[in-house]
Amino acid sequence: MQALENRIPPPIVTALFGLLMWLTARYTPGLAPAYSVRVMVALLVLAIGVFFSVAGVLSFRQAQTTVNPLKPETASALVRSGIYQYSRNPMYVGFALVLLAWACYLTSPFALFGVLGFVLYMNRFQIRPEERALLTLFGSEYPVYQTQVRRWL
């Protein structure tokens, strides 16, 4: 298993994809719906994204396990309650929704490639290694959880 310490932390990946999306929208013409509608949609999606991320952190804190995505091998509990009943990765769902909110605000269809790129990156370089570590830690309990709850939504 490749060491997770060598990976870029998910919040930094989110910020990098957000910057890429802004640059794309800045230099490509987008669709421009009414400003207030665009902002309201962006704020709604942002609020849902923040909810997912915060709910994920709170569930981990309540279970007294690590929130550090670079050290999944230090997890002390397999959290299956709260938001983790609906998504195995609610914090990453939240980050993706924040990027989607940014894309809505930018009103550039090209900005959606940033969201797609983030999801593909996270699946390959963050979630799969985490899943291998959790399988090692929690044995047969983790595959059961995987069959009951989706990776994203």
C-alpha atoms as a PDB file:
ATOM      1  CA  MET A   1       0.000   0.000   0.000  1.00  0.00           C
ATOM      2  CA  GLN A   2       1.362   3.381  -1.009  1.00  0.00           C
ATOM      3  CA  ALA A   3       1.901   5.745   1.929  1.00  0.00           C
ATOM      4  CA  LEU A   4      -0.912   8.259   2.332  1.00  0.00           C
ATOM      5  CA  GLU A   5       1.479  10.767   3.891  1.00  0.00           C
ATOM      6  CA  ASN A   6       2.789  11.549   0.398  1.00  0.00           C
ATOM      7  CA  ARG A   7      -0.626  12.612  -0.862  1.00  0.00           C
ATOM      8  CA  ILE A   8      -2.054  16.115  -0.983  1.00  0.00           C
ATOM      9  CA  PRO A   9      -4.689  16.634   1.761  1.00  0.00           C
ATOM     10  CA  PRO A  10      -8.289  16.703   0.402  1.00  0.00           C
ATOM     11  CA  PRO A  11      -8.969  20.358   1.388  1.00  0.00           C
ATOM     12  CA  ILE A  12      -5.913  21.440  -0.608  1.00  0.00           C
ATOM     13  CA  VAL A  13      -7.025  19.329  -3.584  1.00  0.00           C
ATOM     14  CA  THR A  14     -10.444  21.015  -3.316  1.00  0.00           C
ATOM     15  CA  ALA A  15      -8.823  24.455  -3.331  1.00  0.00           C
ATOM     16  CA  LEU A  16      -6.627  23.583  -6.316  1.00  0.00           C
ATOM     17  CA  PHE A  17      -9.608  22.332  -8.320  1.00  0.00           C
ATOM     18  CA  GLY A  18     -11.533  25.472  -7.308  1.00  0.00           C
ATOM     19  CA  LEU A  19      -8.711  27.673  -8.579  1.00  0.00           C
ATOM     20  CA  LEU A  20      -8.574  25.686 -11.815  1.00  0.00           C
ATOM     21  CA  MET A  21     -12.346  26.110 -12.202  1.00  0.00           C
ATOM     22  CA  TRP A  22     -12.067  29.873 -11.646  1.00  0.00           C
ATOM     23  CA  LEU A  23      -9.308  30.173 -14.228  1.00  0.00           C
ATOM     24  CA  THR A  24     -11.353  28.135 -16.705  1.00  0.00           C
ATOM     25  CA  ALA A  25     -14.459  30.260 -16.161  1.00  0.00           C
ATOM     26  CA  ARG A  26     -12.437  33.474 -16.276  1.00  0.00           C
ATOM     27  CA  TYR A  27     -11.022  32.757 -19.699  1.00  0.00           C
ATOM     28  CA  THR A  28     -13.991  30.993 -21.280  1.00  0.00           C
ATOM     29  CA  PRO A  29     -17.356  32.656 -21.767  1.00  0.00           C
ATOM     30  CA  GLY A  30     -20.093  31.159 -19.628  1.00  0.00           C
ATOM     31  CA  LEU A  31     -23.815  31.277 -19.483  1.00  0.00           C
ATOM     32  CA  ALA A  32     -24.964  34.179 -17.336  1.00  0.00           C
ATOM     33  CA  PRO A  33     -28.325  33.647 -15.655  1.00  0.00           C
ATOM     34  CA  ALA A  34     -29.680  36.418 -13.488  1.00  0.00           C
ATOM     35  CA  TYR A  35     -27.136  37.256 -10.797  1.00  0.00           C
ATOM     36  CA  SER A  36     -29.499  36.736  -7.878  1.00  0.00           C
ATOM     37  CA  VAL A  37     -30.671  33.317  -9.095  1.00  0.00           C
ATOM     38  CA  ARG A  38     -27.102  32.229  -9.682  1.00  0.00           C
ATOM     39  CA  VAL A  39     -26.007  33.374  -6.250  1.00  0.00           C
ATOM     40  CA  MET A  40     -29.003  31.767  -4.512  1.00  0.00           C
ATOM     41  CA  VAL A  41     -28.362  28.414  -6.199  1.00  0.00           C
ATOM     42  CA  ALA A  42     -24.662  28.617  -5.388  1.00  0.00           C
ATOM     43  CA  LEU A  43     -25.399  29.452  -1.727  1.00  0.00           C
ATOM     44  CA  LEU A  44     -27.897  26.589  -1.416  1.00  0.00           C
ATOM     45  CA  VAL A  45     -25.452  24.046  -2.853  1.00  0.00           C
ATOM     46  CA  LEU A  46     -22.688  25.522  -0.674  1.00  0.00           C
ATOM     47  CA  ALA A  47     -24.839  25.167   2.465  1.00  0.00           C
ATOM     48  CA  ILE A  48     -25.570  21.520   1.656  1.00  0.00           C
ATOM     49  CA  GLY A  49     -21.854  20.890   1.046  1.00  0.00           C
ATOM     50  CA  VAL A  50     -20.863  22.488   4.340  1.00  0.00           C
ATOM     51  CA  PHE A  51     -23.558  20.449   6.107  1.00  0.00           C
ATOM     52  CA  PHE A  52     -22.159  17.184   4.718  1.00  0.00           C
ATOM     53  CA  SER A  53     -18.588  18.051   5.669  1.00  0.00           C
ATOM     54  CA  VAL A  54     -19.427  19.247   9.168  1.00  0.00           C
ATOM     55  CA  ALA A  55     -21.743  16.290   9.813  1.00  0.00           C
ATOM     56  CA  GLY A  56     -18.924  13.932   8.809  1.00  0.00           C
ATOM     57  CA  VAL A  57     -16.443  15.591  11.154  1.00  0.00           C
ATOM     58  CA  LEU A  58     -18.940  15.637  14.032  1.00  0.00           C
ATOM     59  CA  SER A  59     -19.705  11.933  13.577  1.00  0.00           C
ATOM     60  CA  PHE A  60     -15.989  11.134  13.718  1.00  0.00           C
ATOM     61  CA  ARG A  61     -15.525  13.312  16.799  1.00  0.00           C
ATOM     62  CA  GLN A  62     -18.474  11.662  18.517  1.00  0.00           C
ATOM     63  CA  ALA A  63     -16.967   8.222  17.828  1.00  0.00           C
ATOM     64  CA  GLN A  64     -13.591   9.540  19.049  1.00  0.00           C
ATOM     65  CA  THR A  65     -11.736   8.460  15.945  1.00  0.00           C
ATOM     66  CA  THR A  66      -9.329  10.288  13.657  1.00  0.00           C
ATOM     67  CA  VAL A  67     -10.479  12.837  11.113  1.00  0.00           C
ATOM     68  CA  ASN A  68      -7.059  12.919   9.433  1.00  0.00           C
ATOM     69  CA  PRO A  69      -7.540  11.576   5.878  1.00  0.00           C
ATOM     70  CA  LEU A  70      -3.815  10.911   5.538  1.00  0.00           C
ATOM     71  CA  LYS A  71      -3.758   8.418   8.417  1.00  0.00           C
ATOM     72  CA  PRO A  72      -6.776   6.106   8.046  1.00  0.00           C
ATOM     73  CA  GLU A  73      -4.774   3.305   9.673  1.00  0.00           C
ATOM     74  CA  THR A  74      -5.113   5.186  12.988  1.00  0.00           C
ATOM     75  CA  ALA A  75      -8.918   4.927  12.946  1.00  0.00           C
ATOM     76  CA  SER A  76     -10.245   3.508  16.178  1.00  0.00           C
ATOM     77  CA  ALA A  77     -13.847   2.958  15.068  1.00  0.00           C
ATOM     78  CA  LEU A  78     -15.819   2.225  11.937  1.00  0.00           C
ATOM     79  CA  VAL A  79     -18.398   5.014  11.981  1.00  0.00           C
ATOM     80  CA  ARG A  80     -21.725   3.854  10.551  1.00  0.00           C
ATOM     81  CA  SER A  81     -24.110   6.263  12.253  1.00  0.00           C
ATOM     82  CA  GLY A  82     -25.236   9.786  11.465  1.00  0.00           C
ATOM     83  CA  ILE A  83     -24.384  10.967   7.973  1.00  0.00           C
ATOM     84  CA  TYR A  84     -22.337   7.782   7.469  1.00  0.00           C
ATOM     85  CA  GLN A  85     -25.609   5.887   7.040  1.00  0.00           C
ATOM     86  CA  TYR A  86     -25.993   7.646   3.684  1.00  0.00           C
ATOM     87  CA  SER A  87     -22.442   8.100   2.416  1.00  0.00           C
ATOM     88  CA  ARG A  88     -19.136   6.442   3.232  1.00  0.00           C
ATOM     89  CA  ASN A  89     -17.358   9.704   2.384  1.00  0.00           C
ATOM     90  CA  PRO A  90     -19.583  12.618   3.414  1.00  0.00           C
ATOM     91  CA  MET A  91     -16.677  15.012   3.890  1.00  0.00           C
ATOM     92  CA  TYR A  92     -15.588  14.415   0.293  1.00  0.00           C
ATOM     93  CA  VAL A  93     -19.205  14.768  -0.854  1.00  0.00           C
ATOM     94  CA  GLY A  94     -19.213  18.098   0.961  1.00  0.00           C
ATOM     95  CA  PHE A  95     -16.012  19.214  -0.764  1.00  0.00           C
ATOM     96  CA  ALA A  96     -17.433  18.191  -4.154  1.00  0.00           C
ATOM     97  CA  LEU A  97     -20.615  20.162  -3.423  1.00  0.00           C
ATOM     98  CA  VAL A  98     -18.535  23.211  -2.498  1.00  0.00           C
ATOM     99  CA  LEU A  99     -16.845  22.916  -5.893  1.00  0.00           C
ATOM    100  CA  LEU A 100     -20.263  22.509  -7.527  1.00  0.00           C
ATOM    101  CA  ALA A 101     -21.445  25.668  -5.749  1.00  0.00           C
ATOM    102  CA  TRP A 102     -18.380  27.466  -7.080  1.00  0.00           C
ATOM    103  CA  ALA A 103     -19.190  26.205 -10.585  1.00  0.00           C
ATOM    104  CA  CYS A 104     -22.774  27.480 -10.205  1.00  0.00           C
ATOM    105  CA  TYR A 105     -21.475  30.858  -9.122  1.00  0.00           C
ATOM    106  CA  LEU A 106     -19.000  31.008 -12.013  1.00  0.00           C
ATOM    107  CA  THR A 107     -21.741  29.992 -14.497  1.00  0.00           C
ATOM    108  CA  SER A 108     -19.286  28.242 -16.743  1.00  0.00           C
ATOM    109  CA  PRO A 109     -20.146  24.786 -18.031  1.00  0.00           C
ATOM    110  CA  PHE A 110     -16.403  24.156 -18.237  1.00  0.00           C
ATOM    111  CA  ALA A 111     -16.130  24.645 -14.466  1.00  0.00           C
ATOM    112  CA  LEU A 112     -18.042  21.385 -14.040  1.00  0.00           C
ATOM    113  CA  PHE A 113     -14.928  19.591 -15.265  1.00  0.00           C
ATOM    114  CA  GLY A 114     -13.312  20.718 -12.016  1.00  0.00           C
ATOM    115  CA  VAL A 115     -15.943  18.843 -10.010  1.00  0.00           C
ATOM    116  CA  LEU A 116     -15.496  15.780 -12.199  1.00  0.00           C
ATOM    117  CA  GLY A 117     -11.712  15.982 -11.896  1.00  0.00           C
ATOM    118  CA  PHE A 118     -11.970  16.251  -8.108  1.00  0.00           C
ATOM    119  CA  VAL A 119     -14.212  13.168  -7.876  1.00  0.00           C
ATOM    120  CA  LEU A 120     -11.925  11.138 -10.153  1.00  0.00           C
ATOM    121  CA  TYR A 121      -8.825  12.243  -8.241  1.00  0.00           C
ATOM    122  CA  MET A 122     -10.363  11.470  -4.842  1.00  0.00           C
ATOM    123  CA  ASN A 123     -11.562   8.024  -5.958  1.00  0.00           C
ATOM    124  CA  ARG A 124      -8.140   7.055  -7.261  1.00  0.00           C
ATOM    125  CA  PHE A 125      -5.688   8.676  -4.877  1.00  0.00           C
ATOM    126  CA  GLN A 126      -7.575   9.069  -1.600  1.00  0.00           C
ATOM    127  CA  ILE A 127     -10.618   6.839  -1.244  1.00  0.00           C
ATOM    128  CA  ARG A 128      -9.188   3.579  -2.617  1.00  0.00           C
ATOM    129  CA  PRO A 129      -6.121   3.700  -0.329  1.00  0.00           C
ATOM    130  CA  GLU A 130      -8.374   4.594   2.616  1.00  0.00           C
ATOM    131  CA  GLU A 131     -10.641   1.653   1.823  1.00  0.00           C
ATOM    132  CA  ARG A 132      -7.677  -0.737   1.742  1.00  0.00           C
ATOM    133  CA  ALA A 133      -6.545   0.549   5.143  1.00  0.00           C
ATOM    134  CA  LEU A 134     -10.047   0.242   6.609  1.00  0.00           C
ATOM    135  CA  LEU A 135     -10.393  -3.292   5.254  1.00  0.00           C
ATOM    136  CA  THR A 136      -7.161  -4.209   7.021  1.00  0.00           C
ATOM    137  CA  LEU A 137      -8.318  -2.556  10.247  1.00  0.00           C
ATOM    138  CA  PHE A 138     -11.914  -3.729  10.410  1.00  0.00           C
ATOM    139  CA  GLY A 139     -11.800  -7.016   8.500  1.00  0.00           C
ATOM    140  CA  SER A 140     -15.119  -8.455   7.375  1.00  0.00           C
ATOM    141  CA  GLU A 141     -17.100  -5.645   8.994  1.00  0.00           C
ATOM    142  CA  TYR A 142     -15.954  -3.127   6.379  1.00  0.00           C
ATOM    143  CA  PRO A 143     -17.100  -5.031   3.234  1.00  0.00           C
ATOM    144  CA  VAL A 144     -20.530  -5.414   4.841  1.00  0.00           C
ATOM    145  CA  TYR A 145     -20.638  -1.647   5.355  1.00  0.00           C
ATOM    146  CA  GLN A 146     -19.527  -1.131   1.738  1.00  0.00           C
ATOM    147  CA  THR A 147     -22.478  -3.168   0.483  1.00  0.00           C
ATOM    148  CA  GLN A 148     -24.924  -1.210   2.639  1.00  0.00           C
ATOM    149  CA  VAL A 149     -23.748   2.364   1.999  1.00  0.00           C
ATOM    150  CA  ARG A 150     -22.602   3.997  -1.229  1.00  0.00           C
ATOM    151  CA  ARG A 151     -19.159   5.519  -1.642  1.00  0.00           C
ATOM    152  CA  TRP A 152     -20.513   8.982  -2.519  1.00  0.00           C
ATOM    153  CA  LEU A 153     -24.317   9.270  -2.406  1.00  0.00           C
END
